[in-house]
Amino acid sequence: QVQLVESGGGLGQAGGSLRLSCAASGSTFTIDTMGWFRQAPGKGRVFVAGVSTSGVRTWYADSVKGRFTISRDNGKNTVYLQMNSLKPEDTAVYYCTAGRGGYGAYWGQGTQVTVSS
């Protein structure tokens, strides 16, 4: 089993920045891909960003491309999401996820991000 614990959410202002962290523990040798999804009020959970095992390959949803940056520190078993140029529509619960060859095998508890205009 792998446990994922997010931190760093909170209240941000439009145009500002927040940084999320997700620390993995347990059987981390069973996972490679890590990423972030988000769920806005009344909507489904959607992909935000993903990163390969090495950290070299990254993927982003069109809605955050150029504003968000995902990275990982394998020595710390931690993945980060740097969120810049925040918009009110970025308001959501952000979930860290991990798996082998894809997402969704494991999920964190979620962290709330609220962006005020």
C-alpha atoms as a PDB file:
ATOM      1  CA  GLN A   1       0.000   0.000   0.000  1.00  0.00           C
ATOM      2  CA  VAL A   2       0.986   3.599  -0.634  1.00  0.00           C
ATOM      3  CA  GLN A   3      -0.166   6.540   1.406  1.00  0.00           C
ATOM      4  CA  LEU A   4      -0.337  10.011  -0.123  1.00  0.00           C
ATOM      5  CA  VAL A   5      -0.578  13.127   2.028  1.00  0.00           C
ATOM      6  CA  GLU A   6      -1.151  16.522   0.445  1.00  0.00           C
ATOM      7  CA  SER A   7      -0.320  19.888   1.953  1.00  0.00           C
ATOM      8  CA  GLY A   8      -0.070  23.498   0.914  1.00  0.00           C
ATOM      9  CA  GLY A   9      -3.615  24.325  -0.041  1.00  0.00           C
ATOM     10  CA  GLY A  10      -5.446  27.362   1.223  1.00  0.00           C
ATOM     11  CA  LEU A  11      -6.636  30.749   0.121  1.00  0.00           C
ATOM     12  CA  GLY A  12      -4.950  32.564  -2.733  1.00  0.00           C
ATOM     13  CA  GLN A  13      -5.655  35.685  -4.695  1.00  0.00           C
ATOM     14  CA  ALA A  14      -6.208  35.934  -8.412  1.00  0.00           C
ATOM     15  CA  GLY A  15      -2.841  36.409 -10.042  1.00  0.00           C
ATOM     16  CA  GLY A  16      -1.049  34.963  -7.044  1.00  0.00           C
ATOM     17  CA  SER A  17       0.704  31.687  -6.379  1.00  0.00           C
ATOM     18  CA  LEU A  18       0.348  28.594  -4.232  1.00  0.00           C
ATOM     19  CA  ARG A  19       2.453  25.470  -3.977  1.00  0.00           C
ATOM     20  CA  LEU A  20       1.045  22.044  -3.212  1.00  0.00           C
ATOM     21  CA  SER A  21       3.081  19.115  -1.950  1.00  0.00           C
ATOM     22  CA  CYS A  22       2.276  15.430  -1.857  1.00  0.00           C
ATOM     23  CA  ALA A  23       4.392  13.062   0.196  1.00  0.00           C
ATOM     24  CA  ALA A  24       4.237   9.363  -0.568  1.00  0.00           C
ATOM     25  CA  SER A  25       5.021   6.663   1.961  1.00  0.00           C
ATOM     26  CA  GLY A  26       4.715   2.914   2.247  1.00  0.00           C
ATOM     27  CA  SER A  27       5.410   0.683  -0.740  1.00  0.00           C
ATOM     28  CA  THR A  28       6.560   3.519  -2.973  1.00  0.00           C
ATOM     29  CA  PHE A  29       8.572   1.095  -5.121  1.00  0.00           C
ATOM     30  CA  THR A  30       5.245  -0.038  -6.596  1.00  0.00           C
ATOM     31  CA  ILE A  31       4.452   3.324  -8.170  1.00  0.00           C
ATOM     32  CA  ASP A  32       5.980   5.350 -10.970  1.00  0.00           C
ATOM     33  CA  THR A  33       3.571   7.919 -12.377  1.00  0.00           C
ATOM     34  CA  MET A  34       2.332  10.634 -10.044  1.00  0.00           C
ATOM     35  CA  GLY A  35      -0.020  13.478 -10.693  1.00  0.00           C
ATOM     36  CA  TRP A  36      -2.690  15.893  -9.584  1.00  0.00           C
ATOM     37  CA  PHE A  37      -6.406  15.989 -10.239  1.00  0.00           C
ATOM     38  CA  ARG A  38      -8.942  18.524  -9.020  1.00  0.00           C
ATOM     39  CA  GLN A  39     -12.640  18.615  -8.325  1.00  0.00           C
ATOM     40  CA  ALA A  40     -14.572  21.856  -8.342  1.00  0.00           C
ATOM     41  CA  PRO A  41     -17.910  22.165  -6.508  1.00  0.00           C
ATOM     42  CA  GLY A  42     -20.605  20.271  -8.363  1.00  0.00           C
ATOM     43  CA  LYS A  43     -18.215  18.902 -10.968  1.00  0.00           C
ATOM     44  CA  GLY A  44     -16.289  15.733 -11.564  1.00  0.00           C
ATOM     45  CA  ARG A  45     -12.666  15.075 -10.800  1.00  0.00           C
ATOM     46  CA  VAL A  46     -10.417  16.115 -13.696  1.00  0.00           C
ATOM     47  CA  PHE A  47      -6.772  15.746 -14.593  1.00  0.00           C
ATOM     48  CA  VAL A  48      -4.482  18.695 -13.868  1.00  0.00           C
ATOM     49  CA  ALA A  49      -0.882  17.544 -14.266  1.00  0.00           C
ATOM     50  CA  GLY A  50       1.274  14.440 -14.280  1.00  0.00           C
ATOM     51  CA  VAL A  51       4.962  13.580 -14.096  1.00  0.00           C
ATOM     52  CA  SER A  52       6.994  10.540 -15.075  1.00  0.00           C
ATOM     53  CA  THR A  53       9.205   8.559 -12.731  1.00  0.00           C
ATOM     54  CA  SER A  54      12.335  10.470 -13.661  1.00  0.00           C
ATOM     55  CA  GLY A  55      10.573  13.801 -13.606  1.00  0.00           C
ATOM     56  CA  VAL A  56      11.653  14.511 -17.158  1.00  0.00           C
ATOM     57  CA  ARG A  57       8.259  14.000 -18.779  1.00  0.00           C
ATOM     58  CA  THR A  58       5.338  16.137 -17.679  1.00  0.00           C
ATOM     59  CA  TRP A  59       1.756  16.489 -18.862  1.00  0.00           C
ATOM     60  CA  TYR A  60      -0.748  19.268 -18.252  1.00  0.00           C
ATOM     61  CA  ALA A  61      -4.382  20.018 -18.808  1.00  0.00           C
ATOM     62  CA  ASP A  62      -4.864  22.820 -21.299  1.00  0.00           C
ATOM     63  CA  SER A  63      -6.518  24.930 -18.606  1.00  0.00           C
ATOM     64  CA  VAL A  64      -3.319  25.108 -16.529  1.00  0.00           C
ATOM     65  CA  LYS A  65      -0.618  24.869 -19.165  1.00  0.00           C
ATOM     66  CA  GLY A  66       1.876  27.709 -18.817  1.00  0.00           C
ATOM     67  CA  ARG A  67       0.674  28.536 -15.297  1.00  0.00           C
ATOM     68  CA  PHE A  68       1.220  25.347 -13.284  1.00  0.00           C
ATOM     69  CA  THR A  69       4.420  23.335 -12.973  1.00  0.00           C
ATOM     70  CA  ILE A  70       4.644  19.805 -11.652  1.00  0.00           C
ATOM     71  CA  SER A  71       7.876  18.369 -10.318  1.00  0.00           C
ATOM     72  CA  ARG A  72       9.041  15.530  -8.109  1.00  0.00           C
ATOM     73  CA  ASP A  73      11.831  14.759  -5.684  1.00  0.00           C
ATOM     74  CA  ASN A  74      12.289  10.998  -5.651  1.00  0.00           C
ATOM     75  CA  GLY A  75      14.684  11.195  -2.731  1.00  0.00           C
ATOM     76  CA  LYS A  76      11.838  12.602  -0.666  1.00  0.00           C
ATOM     77  CA  ASN A  77       9.078  10.634  -2.427  1.00  0.00           C
ATOM     78  CA  THR A  78       7.330  13.966  -2.933  1.00  0.00           C
ATOM     79  CA  VAL A  79       5.585  15.571  -5.871  1.00  0.00           C
ATOM     80  CA  TYR A  80       4.910  19.290  -6.079  1.00  0.00           C
ATOM     81  CA  LEU A  81       2.478  21.485  -7.960  1.00  0.00           C
ATOM     82  CA  GLN A  82       3.561  25.089  -8.323  1.00  0.00           C
ATOM     83  CA  MET A  83       0.502  27.132  -9.236  1.00  0.00           C
ATOM     84  CA  ASN A  84       1.094  30.618 -10.616  1.00  0.00           C
ATOM     85  CA  SER A  85      -1.220  33.225 -12.123  1.00  0.00           C
ATOM     86  CA  LEU A  86      -4.096  31.746 -10.172  1.00  0.00           C
ATOM     87  CA  LYS A  87      -7.645  32.264 -11.401  1.00  0.00           C
ATOM     88  CA  PRO A  88     -10.926  31.961  -9.482  1.00  0.00           C
ATOM     89  CA  GLU A  89     -11.766  28.976 -11.696  1.00  0.00           C
ATOM     90  CA  ASP A  90      -8.796  27.145 -10.166  1.00  0.00           C
ATOM     91  CA  THR A  91     -10.843  26.864  -6.965  1.00  0.00           C
ATOM     92  CA  ALA A  92     -11.228  23.165  -6.224  1.00  0.00           C
ATOM     93  CA  VAL A  93     -10.150  20.311  -4.019  1.00  0.00           C
ATOM     94  CA  TYR A  94      -6.822  19.094  -5.359  1.00  0.00           C
ATOM     95  CA  TYR A  95      -5.998  15.410  -5.130  1.00  0.00           C
ATOM     96  CA  CYS A  96      -2.629  13.761  -5.465  1.00  0.00           C
ATOM     97  CA  THR A  97      -2.632  10.407  -7.210  1.00  0.00           C
ATOM     98  CA  ALA A  98      -0.096   7.722  -8.024  1.00  0.00           C
ATOM     99  CA  GLY A  99       0.087   4.430  -9.817  1.00  0.00           C
ATOM    100  CA  ARG A 100       2.147   2.197 -12.038  1.00  0.00           C
ATOM    101  CA  GLY A 101       1.827   3.126 -15.679  1.00  0.00           C
ATOM    102  CA  GLY A 102      -1.070   5.439 -14.925  1.00  0.00           C
ATOM    103  CA  TYR A 103      -3.018   7.289 -12.264  1.00  0.00           C
ATOM    104  CA  GLY A 104      -5.649   6.281  -9.792  1.00  0.00           C
ATOM    105  CA  ALA A 105      -4.207   3.329  -7.907  1.00  0.00           C
ATOM    106  CA  TYR A 106      -3.770   5.548  -4.879  1.00  0.00           C
ATOM    107  CA  TRP A 107      -5.316   8.876  -3.880  1.00  0.00           C
ATOM    108  CA  GLY A 108      -4.594  11.423  -1.214  1.00  0.00           C
ATOM    109  CA  GLN A 109      -7.294  12.911   0.980  1.00  0.00           C
ATOM    110  CA  GLY A 110      -7.370  16.150  -0.986  1.00  0.00           C
ATOM    111  CA  THR A 111      -6.480  19.731  -0.152  1.00  0.00           C
ATOM    112  CA  GLN A 112      -8.742  22.731  -0.709  1.00  0.00           C
ATOM    113  CA  VAL A 113      -7.551  25.578  -2.904  1.00  0.00           C
ATOM    114  CA  THR A 114      -9.704  28.692  -2.982  1.00  0.00           C
ATOM    115  CA  VAL A 115      -8.835  31.607  -5.243  1.00  0.00           C
ATOM    116  CA  SER A 116     -10.486  34.951  -4.605  1.00  0.00           C
ATOM    117  CA  SER A 117     -10.990  37.516  -7.328  1.00  0.00           C
END
